[in-house]
Amino acid sequence: MEQPERPGEPEGKAPPGTAPETAAPEAAGPEAAAAPVRARRRGRTALLIAGAVVLGLVAGTCTGYLVQADREPTKLPPLSQPTLKQSKGEAPEPLSASRDRRVRTDGDLRKLLLEKPRGAKTADWSSADDGWMDLASYAETFSDPKDIFPELVGNEFRRAAVAAWEQGDTTVEIRLVQFRQEESMAAAEQARGAHYWADEDDNHSWPIPGTEDGMAYAYTKPQAEPGYVPMYEAKAFAWRGDIEMEIFVSSTRSIGKKTLLGLAKRQMERL
């Protein structure tokens, strides 16, 4: 007698309470060996280890910071230099004008010029006004004033004091040219430039005693111009501090070494 089918049960399924039939094992063969094997996912363990390391470093850093923040600051070791004791007594007096060169050169520069010798007369041909020469007047003493004017401005020309006299057939002019020297050693540069132009083949030259690179020049041939008496010329250039010294001597006779160096040496001693 056949069993009626139960509604809702799929075909091929055993009714409840009935043990399913055990399928007979299939024989192993080439088809079973070729069945795909599911591969294991890689990298997940490495990511977990890396994350744990990062978390450990962060936790260790935070812990170290909190521990260090709770500690007292470490005191620095004392300095090896002993404490300097302040001297007692009154402070030394400032240098007098005779010892402080800057005090003298910031004052009336004309007082540092050599005085004209006894029997000499003040020259009326000098372009100085009451012993002073401004920038424009000083530039006019050069052969090309238009070119030297901006150069003097760049060298921070300050002022020039001038003394000039005549004695017999000899004329002497001495200039003390002062520079501010905030940017460069203009006095030394000015003197070196004068050396370059004065050092010629037809002159004698001697170093000025007591100076670093001061030089005196006496020309061996007179300067002859039409309508004028031939004149011998001599020059001297030196510097000290912010002042350049210039000496010009003219004479109808040859100017000797003793005369020229004597003027230059005595003038530099006054600086």
C-alpha atoms as a PDB file:
ATOM      1  CA  MET A   1       0.000   0.000   0.000  1.00  0.00           C
ATOM      2  CA  GLU A   2       1.469   3.298  -1.099  1.00  0.00           C
ATOM      3  CA  GLN A   3       2.131   6.173   1.400  1.00  0.00           C
ATOM      4  CA  PRO A   4       0.400   9.425   0.497  1.00  0.00           C
ATOM      5  CA  GLU A   5       2.598  12.454  -0.042  1.00  0.00           C
ATOM      6  CA  ARG A   6       2.583  15.205   2.681  1.00  0.00           C
ATOM      7  CA  PRO A   7       1.899  18.631   1.447  1.00  0.00           C
ATOM      8  CA  GLY A   8       4.809  21.133   1.702  1.00  0.00           C
ATOM      9  CA  GLU A   9       7.572  18.600   1.726  1.00  0.00           C
ATOM     10  CA  PRO A  10      10.016  18.723  -1.103  1.00  0.00           C
ATOM     11  CA  GLU A  11      10.662  15.728  -3.150  1.00  0.00           C
ATOM     12  CA  GLY A  12      13.580  13.526  -2.182  1.00  0.00           C
ATOM     13  CA  LYS A  13      13.535  14.551   1.482  1.00  0.00           C
ATOM     14  CA  ALA A  14      12.862  12.024   4.210  1.00  0.00           C
ATOM     15  CA  PRO A  15      10.007  12.669   6.466  1.00  0.00           C
ATOM     16  CA  PRO A  16      10.730  13.867   9.967  1.00  0.00           C
ATOM     17  CA  GLY A  17      11.896  11.176  12.283  1.00  0.00           C
ATOM     18  CA  THR A  18      13.265   9.142   9.475  1.00  0.00           C
ATOM     19  CA  ALA A  19      17.045   8.802   9.257  1.00  0.00           C
ATOM     20  CA  PRO A  20      18.449   9.899   5.953  1.00  0.00           C
ATOM     21  CA  GLU A  21      19.991   7.336   3.803  1.00  0.00           C
ATOM     22  CA  THR A  22      23.730   7.323   3.834  1.00  0.00           C
ATOM     23  CA  ALA A  23      25.176   8.078   0.471  1.00  0.00           C
ATOM     24  CA  ALA A  24      27.653   5.570  -0.767  1.00  0.00           C
ATOM     25  CA  PRO A  25      31.105   7.005  -0.997  1.00  0.00           C
ATOM     26  CA  GLU A  26      32.231   7.735  -4.501  1.00  0.00           C
ATOM     27  CA  ALA A  27      35.240   6.010  -5.720  1.00  0.00           C
ATOM     28  CA  ALA A  28      38.383   8.143  -5.783  1.00  0.00           C
ATOM     29  CA  GLY A  29      39.477   8.979  -9.192  1.00  0.00           C
ATOM     30  CA  PRO A  30      41.033  11.593 -11.409  1.00  0.00           C
ATOM     31  CA  GLU A  31      37.947  13.847 -11.112  1.00  0.00           C
ATOM     32  CA  ALA A  32      38.208  13.933  -7.285  1.00  0.00           C
ATOM     33  CA  ALA A  33      41.916  14.852  -7.414  1.00  0.00           C
ATOM     34  CA  ALA A  34      41.223  17.737  -9.754  1.00  0.00           C
ATOM     35  CA  ALA A  35      38.643  19.368  -7.445  1.00  0.00           C
ATOM     36  CA  PRO A  36      39.725  22.982  -6.507  1.00  0.00           C
ATOM     37  CA  VAL A  37      41.066  23.547  -2.976  1.00  0.00           C
ATOM     38  CA  ARG A  38      40.121  26.847  -1.242  1.00  0.00           C
ATOM     39  CA  ALA A  39      43.358  28.965  -0.597  1.00  0.00           C
ATOM     40  CA  ARG A  40      44.008  30.499   2.824  1.00  0.00           C
ATOM     41  CA  ARG A  41      43.953  34.347   2.959  1.00  0.00           C
ATOM     42  CA  ARG A  42      47.389  35.823   3.753  1.00  0.00           C
ATOM     43  CA  GLY A  43      48.438  39.188   5.350  1.00  0.00           C
ATOM     44  CA  ARG A  44      45.796  39.408   7.972  1.00  0.00           C
ATOM     45  CA  THR A  45      48.110  38.194  10.733  1.00  0.00           C
ATOM     46  CA  ALA A  46      50.865  40.648   9.654  1.00  0.00           C
ATOM     47  CA  LEU A  47      48.411  43.560   9.795  1.00  0.00           C
ATOM     48  CA  LEU A  48      47.321  42.584  13.280  1.00  0.00           C
ATOM     49  CA  ILE A  49      50.950  42.414  14.489  1.00  0.00           C
ATOM     50  CA  ALA A  50      51.805  45.825  12.923  1.00  0.00           C
ATOM     51  CA  GLY A  51      48.768  47.408  14.528  1.00  0.00           C
ATOM     52  CA  ALA A  52      49.731  45.992  17.896  1.00  0.00           C
ATOM     53  CA  VAL A  53      53.276  47.415  17.545  1.00  0.00           C
ATOM     54  CA  VAL A  54      51.969  50.900  16.679  1.00  0.00           C
ATOM     55  CA  LEU A  55      49.563  50.863  19.595  1.00  0.00           C
ATOM     56  CA  GLY A  56      52.403  49.768  21.858  1.00  0.00           C
ATOM     57  CA  LEU A  57      54.661  52.613  20.740  1.00  0.00           C
ATOM     58  CA  VAL A  58      51.911  55.201  21.195  1.00  0.00           C
ATOM     59  CA  ALA A  59      51.031  53.865  24.617  1.00  0.00           C
ATOM     60  CA  GLY A  60      54.708  53.803  25.656  1.00  0.00           C
ATOM     61  CA  THR A  61      55.277  57.386  24.483  1.00  0.00           C
ATOM     62  CA  CYS A  62      52.250  58.681  26.330  1.00  0.00           C
ATOM     63  CA  THR A  63      53.231  56.820  29.478  1.00  0.00           C
ATOM     64  CA  GLY A  64      56.801  58.185  29.336  1.00  0.00           C
ATOM     65  CA  TYR A  65      55.543  61.733  28.795  1.00  0.00           C
ATOM     66  CA  LEU A  66      53.190  61.507  31.784  1.00  0.00           C
ATOM     67  CA  VAL A  67      55.930  60.090  33.978  1.00  0.00           C
ATOM     68  CA  GLN A  68      58.406  62.820  32.941  1.00  0.00           C
ATOM     69  CA  ALA A  69      55.811  65.575  33.407  1.00  0.00           C
ATOM     70  CA  ASP A  70      55.277  64.547  37.038  1.00  0.00           C
ATOM     71  CA  ARG A  71      59.015  64.718  37.848  1.00  0.00           C
ATOM     72  CA  GLU A  72      60.783  67.766  39.264  1.00  0.00           C
ATOM     73  CA  PRO A  73      63.010  69.689  36.773  1.00  0.00           C
ATOM     74  CA  THR A  74      66.652  68.642  36.882  1.00  0.00           C
ATOM     75  CA  LYS A  75      68.854  71.463  38.154  1.00  0.00           C
ATOM     76  CA  LEU A  76      71.679  72.597  35.870  1.00  0.00           C
ATOM     77  CA  PRO A  77      75.236  72.250  37.152  1.00  0.00           C
ATOM     78  CA  PRO A  78      76.860  75.485  38.385  1.00  0.00           C
ATOM     79  CA  LEU A  79      79.064  77.466  36.010  1.00  0.00           C
ATOM     80  CA  SER A  80      82.758  76.765  36.287  1.00  0.00           C
ATOM     81  CA  GLN A  81      83.635  80.482  36.064  1.00  0.00           C
ATOM     82  CA  PRO A  82      83.886  82.073  39.497  1.00  0.00           C
ATOM     83  CA  THR A  83      81.772  85.087  40.311  1.00  0.00           C
ATOM     84  CA  LEU A  84      83.500  88.306  39.313  1.00  0.00           C
ATOM     85  CA  LYS A  85      83.799  90.840  42.057  1.00  0.00           C
ATOM     86  CA  GLN A  86      82.965  94.424  41.285  1.00  0.00           C
ATOM     87  CA  SER A  87      85.815  96.813  41.837  1.00  0.00           C
ATOM     88  CA  LYS A  88      85.470  99.451  44.487  1.00  0.00           C
ATOM     89  CA  GLY A  89      86.365 103.087  44.328  1.00  0.00           C
ATOM     90  CA  GLU A  90      85.637 105.889  41.892  1.00  0.00           C
ATOM     91  CA  ALA A  91      85.582 105.367  38.137  1.00  0.00           C
ATOM     92  CA  PRO A  92      88.593 106.649  36.180  1.00  0.00           C
ATOM     93  CA  GLU A  93      88.326 110.119  34.720  1.00  0.00           C
ATOM     94  CA  PRO A  94      87.720 110.405  30.966  1.00  0.00           C
ATOM     95  CA  LEU A  95      90.735 110.952  28.770  1.00  0.00           C
ATOM     96  CA  SER A  96      91.812 114.517  28.247  1.00  0.00           C
ATOM     97  CA  ALA A  97      91.715 116.081  24.798  1.00  0.00           C
ATOM     98  CA  SER A  98      95.477 115.724  24.535  1.00  0.00           C
ATOM     99  CA  ARG A  99      95.181 111.937  24.930  1.00  0.00           C
ATOM    100  CA  ASP A 100      91.832 111.275  23.216  1.00  0.00           C
ATOM    101  CA  ARG A 101      92.454 111.694  19.500  1.00  0.00           C
ATOM    102  CA  ARG A 102      88.743 111.565  18.637  1.00  0.00           C
ATOM    103  CA  VAL A 103      88.020 114.559  20.864  1.00  0.00           C
ATOM    104  CA  ARG A 104      90.601 116.619  18.982  1.00  0.00           C
ATOM    105  CA  THR A 105      89.571 115.562  15.487  1.00  0.00           C
ATOM    106  CA  ASP A 106      85.863 116.186  16.192  1.00  0.00           C
ATOM    107  CA  GLY A 107      86.623 119.739  17.245  1.00  0.00           C
ATOM    108  CA  ASP A 108      88.003 122.605  15.197  1.00  0.00           C
ATOM    109  CA  LEU A 109      90.121 120.781  12.637  1.00  0.00           C
ATOM    110  CA  ARG A 110      91.909 123.992  11.677  1.00  0.00           C
ATOM    111  CA  LYS A 111      93.707 123.987  15.032  1.00  0.00           C
ATOM    112  CA  LEU A 112      95.535 120.788  14.024  1.00  0.00           C
ATOM    113  CA  LEU A 113      97.057 122.406  10.933  1.00  0.00           C
ATOM    114  CA  LEU A 114     100.666 123.564  10.951  1.00  0.00           C
ATOM    115  CA  GLU A 115     101.035 127.258  11.528  1.00  0.00           C
ATOM    116  CA  LYS A 116     102.717 129.271   8.820  1.00  0.00           C
ATOM    117  CA  PRO A 117     106.406 129.917   9.499  1.00  0.00           C
ATOM    118  CA  ARG A 118     107.655 133.234  10.797  1.00  0.00           C
ATOM    119  CA  GLY A 119     108.064 135.680   7.937  1.00  0.00           C
ATOM    120  CA  ALA A 120     105.598 133.855   5.668  1.00  0.00           C
ATOM    121  CA  LYS A 121     102.334 135.446   4.534  1.00  0.00           C
ATOM    122  CA  THR A 122      98.944 133.863   4.105  1.00  0.00           C
ATOM    123  CA  ALA A 123      98.234 132.929   0.500  1.00  0.00           C
ATOM    124  CA  ASP A 124      95.412 134.806  -1.188  1.00  0.00           C
ATOM    125  CA  TRP A 125      95.059 132.285  -4.003  1.00  0.00           C
ATOM    126  CA  SER A 126      93.664 129.486  -1.824  1.00  0.00           C
ATOM    127  CA  SER A 127      90.078 128.388  -2.561  1.00  0.00           C
ATOM    128  CA  ALA A 128      89.426 127.772   1.136  1.00  0.00           C
ATOM    129  CA  ASP A 129      86.927 130.015   2.898  1.00  0.00           C
ATOM    130  CA  ASP A 130      88.184 130.974   6.368  1.00  0.00           C
ATOM    131  CA  GLY A 131      90.323 127.849   6.465  1.00  0.00           C
ATOM    132  CA  TRP A 132      87.474 125.509   5.398  1.00  0.00           C
ATOM    133  CA  MET A 133      86.841 123.766   2.087  1.00  0.00           C
ATOM    134  CA  ASP A 134      83.421 122.256   1.351  1.00  0.00           C
ATOM    135  CA  LEU A 135      82.688 119.314  -0.913  1.00  0.00           C
ATOM    136  CA  ALA A 136      82.238 121.364  -4.091  1.00  0.00           C
ATOM    137  CA  SER A 137      85.389 123.418  -3.494  1.00  0.00           C
ATOM    138  CA  TYR A 138      87.448 120.323  -2.742  1.00  0.00           C
ATOM    139  CA  ALA A 139      86.167 118.576  -5.890  1.00  0.00           C
ATOM    140  CA  GLU A 140      87.285 121.594  -7.936  1.00  0.00           C
ATOM    141  CA  THR A 141      90.911 120.928  -6.966  1.00  0.00           C
ATOM    142  CA  PHE A 142      90.868 117.746  -9.096  1.00  0.00           C
ATOM    143  CA  SER A 143      91.366 117.653 -12.856  1.00  0.00           C
ATOM    144  CA  ASP A 144      87.855 116.254 -13.429  1.00  0.00           C
ATOM    145  CA  PRO A 145      85.472 117.593 -10.735  1.00  0.00           C
ATOM    146  CA  LYS A 146      82.368 115.983 -12.291  1.00  0.00           C
ATOM    147  CA  ASP A 147      83.807 112.510 -11.865  1.00  0.00           C
ATOM    148  CA  ILE A 148      85.344 112.987  -8.426  1.00  0.00           C
ATOM    149  CA  PHE A 149      82.242 114.649  -6.899  1.00  0.00           C
ATOM    150  CA  PRO A 150      80.031 111.490  -6.731  1.00  0.00           C
ATOM    151  CA  GLU A 151      83.045 109.476  -5.604  1.00  0.00           C
ATOM    152  CA  LEU A 152      83.602 111.835  -2.662  1.00  0.00           C
ATOM    153  CA  VAL A 153      79.905 111.597  -1.798  1.00  0.00           C
ATOM    154  CA  GLY A 154      80.155 107.806  -1.778  1.00  0.00           C
ATOM    155  CA  ASN A 155      83.282 107.993   0.402  1.00  0.00           C
ATOM    156  CA  GLU A 156      81.321 110.062   2.954  1.00  0.00           C
ATOM    157  CA  PHE A 157      83.314 113.282   2.686  1.00  0.00           C
ATOM    158  CA  ARG A 158      82.801 115.302   5.868  1.00  0.00           C
ATOM    159  CA  ARG A 159      84.982 118.434   5.690  1.00  0.00           C
ATOM    160  CA  ALA A 160      88.444 119.730   4.839  1.00  0.00           C
ATOM    161  CA  ALA A 161      90.609 122.206   6.742  1.00  0.00           C
ATOM    162  CA  VAL A 162      93.216 124.113   4.739  1.00  0.00           C
ATOM    163  CA  ALA A 163      96.297 126.193   5.518  1.00  0.00           C
ATOM    164  CA  ALA A 164      98.272 127.945   2.758  1.00  0.00           C
ATOM    165  CA  TRP A 165     101.180 130.389   2.803  1.00  0.00           C
ATOM    166  CA  GLU A 166     103.902 131.923   0.717  1.00  0.00           C
ATOM    167  CA  GLN A 167     107.508 132.287   1.759  1.00  0.00           C
ATOM    168  CA  GLY A 168     109.848 133.809  -0.786  1.00  0.00           C
ATOM    169  CA  ASP A 169     109.507 131.890  -4.046  1.00  0.00           C
ATOM    170  CA  THR A 170     107.950 128.859  -2.308  1.00  0.00           C
ATOM    171  CA  THR A 171     104.222 128.204  -1.753  1.00  0.00           C
ATOM    172  CA  VAL A 172     102.808 125.593   0.608  1.00  0.00           C
ATOM    173  CA  GLU A 173      99.256 124.254   0.934  1.00  0.00           C
ATOM    174  CA  ILE A 174      98.244 121.674   3.556  1.00  0.00           C
ATOM    175  CA  ARG A 175      94.840 119.988   3.609  1.00  0.00           C
ATOM    176  CA  LEU A 176      93.312 117.793   6.297  1.00  0.00           C
ATOM    177  CA  VAL A 177      90.439 115.948   4.619  1.00  0.00           C
ATOM    178  CA  GLN A 178      88.070 114.204   7.024  1.00  0.00           C
ATOM    179  CA  PHE A 179      85.583 111.407   6.237  1.00  0.00           C
ATOM    180  CA  ARG A 180      82.731 109.969   8.298  1.00  0.00           C
ATOM    181  CA  GLN A 181      83.882 106.381   7.664  1.00  0.00           C
ATOM    182  CA  GLU A 182      80.647 104.653   8.571  1.00  0.00           C
ATOM    183  CA  GLU A 183      80.913 102.242   5.627  1.00  0.00           C
ATOM    184  CA  SER A 184      84.626 102.047   4.751  1.00  0.00           C
ATOM    185  CA  MET A 185      88.145 103.289   5.558  1.00  0.00           C
ATOM    186  CA  ALA A 186      87.803 106.200   3.140  1.00  0.00           C
ATOM    187  CA  ALA A 187      90.806 108.186   4.420  1.00  0.00           C
ATOM    188  CA  ALA A 188      93.196 105.312   3.734  1.00  0.00           C
ATOM    189  CA  GLU A 189      91.611 104.651   0.324  1.00  0.00           C
ATOM    190  CA  GLN A 190      91.896 108.322  -0.603  1.00  0.00           C
ATOM    191  CA  ALA A 191      95.588 108.392   0.310  1.00  0.00           C
ATOM    192  CA  ARG A 192      96.312 105.205  -1.640  1.00  0.00           C
ATOM    193  CA  GLY A 193      94.600 106.652  -4.690  1.00  0.00           C
ATOM    194  CA  ALA A 194      96.787 109.762  -4.423  1.00  0.00           C
ATOM    195  CA  HIS A 195      99.885 107.544  -4.235  1.00  0.00           C
ATOM    196  CA  TYR A 196      98.853 105.835  -7.462  1.00  0.00           C
ATOM    197  CA  TRP A 197      98.638 109.082  -9.436  1.00  0.00           C
ATOM    198  CA  ALA A 198     101.700 110.726  -7.854  1.00  0.00           C
ATOM    199  CA  ASP A 199     104.102 107.827  -8.322  1.00  0.00           C
ATOM    200  CA  GLU A 200     105.707 108.606 -11.670  1.00  0.00           C
ATOM    201  CA  ASP A 201     109.079 107.998 -13.243  1.00  0.00           C
ATOM    202  CA  ASP A 202     110.284 111.596 -13.115  1.00  0.00           C
ATOM    203  CA  ASN A 203     110.185 112.034  -9.326  1.00  0.00           C
ATOM    204  CA  HIS A 204     111.912 111.004  -6.137  1.00  0.00           C
ATOM    205  CA  SER A 205     109.840 109.309  -3.436  1.00  0.00           C
ATOM    206  CA  TRP A 206     110.428 108.694   0.279  1.00  0.00           C
ATOM    207  CA  PRO A 207     108.319 107.117   3.038  1.00  0.00           C
ATOM    208  CA  ILE A 208     107.033 109.500   5.706  1.00  0.00           C
ATOM    209  CA  PRO A 209     108.363 108.530   9.167  1.00  0.00           C
ATOM    210  CA  GLY A 210     105.739 107.570  11.742  1.00  0.00           C
ATOM    211  CA  THR A 211     103.085 106.578   9.182  1.00  0.00           C
ATOM    212  CA  GLU A 212     101.886 103.233   7.895  1.00  0.00           C
ATOM    213  CA  ASP A 213     102.156 103.895   4.165  1.00  0.00           C
ATOM    214  CA  GLY A 214     102.609 107.667   3.844  1.00  0.00           C
ATOM    215  CA  MET A 215     104.795 108.777   0.947  1.00  0.00           C
ATOM    216  CA  ALA A 216     106.392 112.046  -0.228  1.00  0.00           C
ATOM    217  CA  TYR A 217     107.194 112.826  -3.879  1.00  0.00           C
ATOM    218  CA  ALA A 218     109.489 115.496  -5.359  1.00  0.00           C
ATOM    219  CA  TYR A 219     109.524 115.967  -9.119  1.00  0.00           C
ATOM    220  CA  THR A 220     112.919 116.245 -10.787  1.00  0.00           C
ATOM    221  CA  LYS A 221     111.707 118.377 -13.711  1.00  0.00           C
ATOM    222  CA  PRO A 222     109.926 121.728 -13.404  1.00  0.00           C
ATOM    223  CA  GLN A 223     106.396 122.192 -14.694  1.00  0.00           C
ATOM    224  CA  ALA A 224     106.537 124.765 -17.480  1.00  0.00           C
ATOM    225  CA  GLU A 225     103.458 126.558 -18.834  1.00  0.00           C
ATOM    226  CA  PRO A 226     103.415 129.379 -21.392  1.00  0.00           C
ATOM    227  CA  GLY A 227     103.527 132.740 -19.672  1.00  0.00           C
ATOM    228  CA  TYR A 228     104.526 131.319 -16.285  1.00  0.00           C
ATOM    229  CA  VAL A 229     107.850 130.792 -14.552  1.00  0.00           C
ATOM    230  CA  PRO A 230     108.830 127.069 -14.474  1.00  0.00           C
ATOM    231  CA  MET A 231     108.011 125.619 -11.044  1.00  0.00           C
ATOM    232  CA  TYR A 232     109.178 122.503  -9.274  1.00  0.00           C
ATOM    233  CA  GLU A 233     106.456 120.592  -7.444  1.00  0.00           C
ATOM    234  CA  ALA A 234     106.389 118.213  -4.488  1.00  0.00           C
ATOM    235  CA  LYS A 235     103.557 116.316  -2.804  1.00  0.00           C
ATOM    236  CA  ALA A 236     102.974 114.220   0.308  1.00  0.00           C
ATOM    237  CA  PHE A 237     100.054 111.991   1.269  1.00  0.00           C
ATOM    238  CA  ALA A 238      99.333 110.074   4.461  1.00  0.00           C
ATOM    239  CA  TRP A 239      96.388 109.201   6.684  1.00  0.00           C
ATOM    240  CA  ARG A 240      95.574 108.627  10.323  1.00  0.00           C
ATOM    241  CA  GLY A 241      92.164 107.512  11.556  1.00  0.00           C
ATOM    242  CA  ASP A 242      89.473 109.304   9.563  1.00  0.00           C
ATOM    243  CA  ILE A 243      91.754 112.088   8.260  1.00  0.00           C
ATOM    244  CA  GLU A 244      93.851 112.186   5.104  1.00  0.00           C
ATOM    245  CA  MET A 245      96.766 114.611   4.946  1.00  0.00           C
ATOM    246  CA  GLU A 246      97.691 116.296   1.664  1.00  0.00           C
ATOM    247  CA  ILE A 247     100.693 118.609   1.212  1.00  0.00           C
ATOM    248  CA  PHE A 248     101.522 120.527  -1.969  1.00  0.00           C
ATOM    249  CA  VAL A 249     104.728 122.543  -2.354  1.00  0.00           C
ATOM    250  CA  SER A 250     105.813 124.629  -5.350  1.00  0.00           C
ATOM    251  CA  SER A 251     109.076 126.508  -5.804  1.00  0.00           C
ATOM    252  CA  THR A 252     111.298 127.969  -8.486  1.00  0.00           C
ATOM    253  CA  ARG A 253     114.047 125.796  -7.049  1.00  0.00           C
ATOM    254  CA  SER A 254     114.231 122.030  -6.647  1.00  0.00           C
ATOM    255  CA  ILE A 255     112.508 120.923  -3.430  1.00  0.00           C
ATOM    256  CA  GLY A 256     114.725 118.794  -1.223  1.00  0.00           C
ATOM    257  CA  LYS A 257     113.894 115.702   0.784  1.00  0.00           C
ATOM    258  CA  LYS A 258     114.543 117.395   4.138  1.00  0.00           C
ATOM    259  CA  THR A 259     112.103 120.220   3.460  1.00  0.00           C
ATOM    260  CA  LEU A 260     109.289 117.982   2.235  1.00  0.00           C
ATOM    261  CA  LEU A 261     109.617 115.245   4.872  1.00  0.00           C
ATOM    262  CA  GLY A 262     109.977 117.850   7.615  1.00  0.00           C
ATOM    263  CA  LEU A 263     106.602 119.359   6.728  1.00  0.00           C
ATOM    264  CA  ALA A 264     104.886 115.966   6.444  1.00  0.00           C
ATOM    265  CA  LYS A 265     106.339 114.586   9.670  1.00  0.00           C
ATOM    266  CA  ARG A 266     105.457 117.642  11.774  1.00  0.00           C
ATOM    267  CA  GLN A 267     101.916 117.730  10.383  1.00  0.00           C
ATOM    268  CA  MET A 268     101.294 114.046  11.098  1.00  0.00           C
ATOM    269  CA  GLU A 269     102.585 114.473  14.651  1.00  0.00           C
ATOM    270  CA  ARG A 270      99.827 117.041  15.266  1.00  0.00           C
ATOM    271  CA  LEU A 271      97.230 114.394  14.404  1.00  0.00           C
END
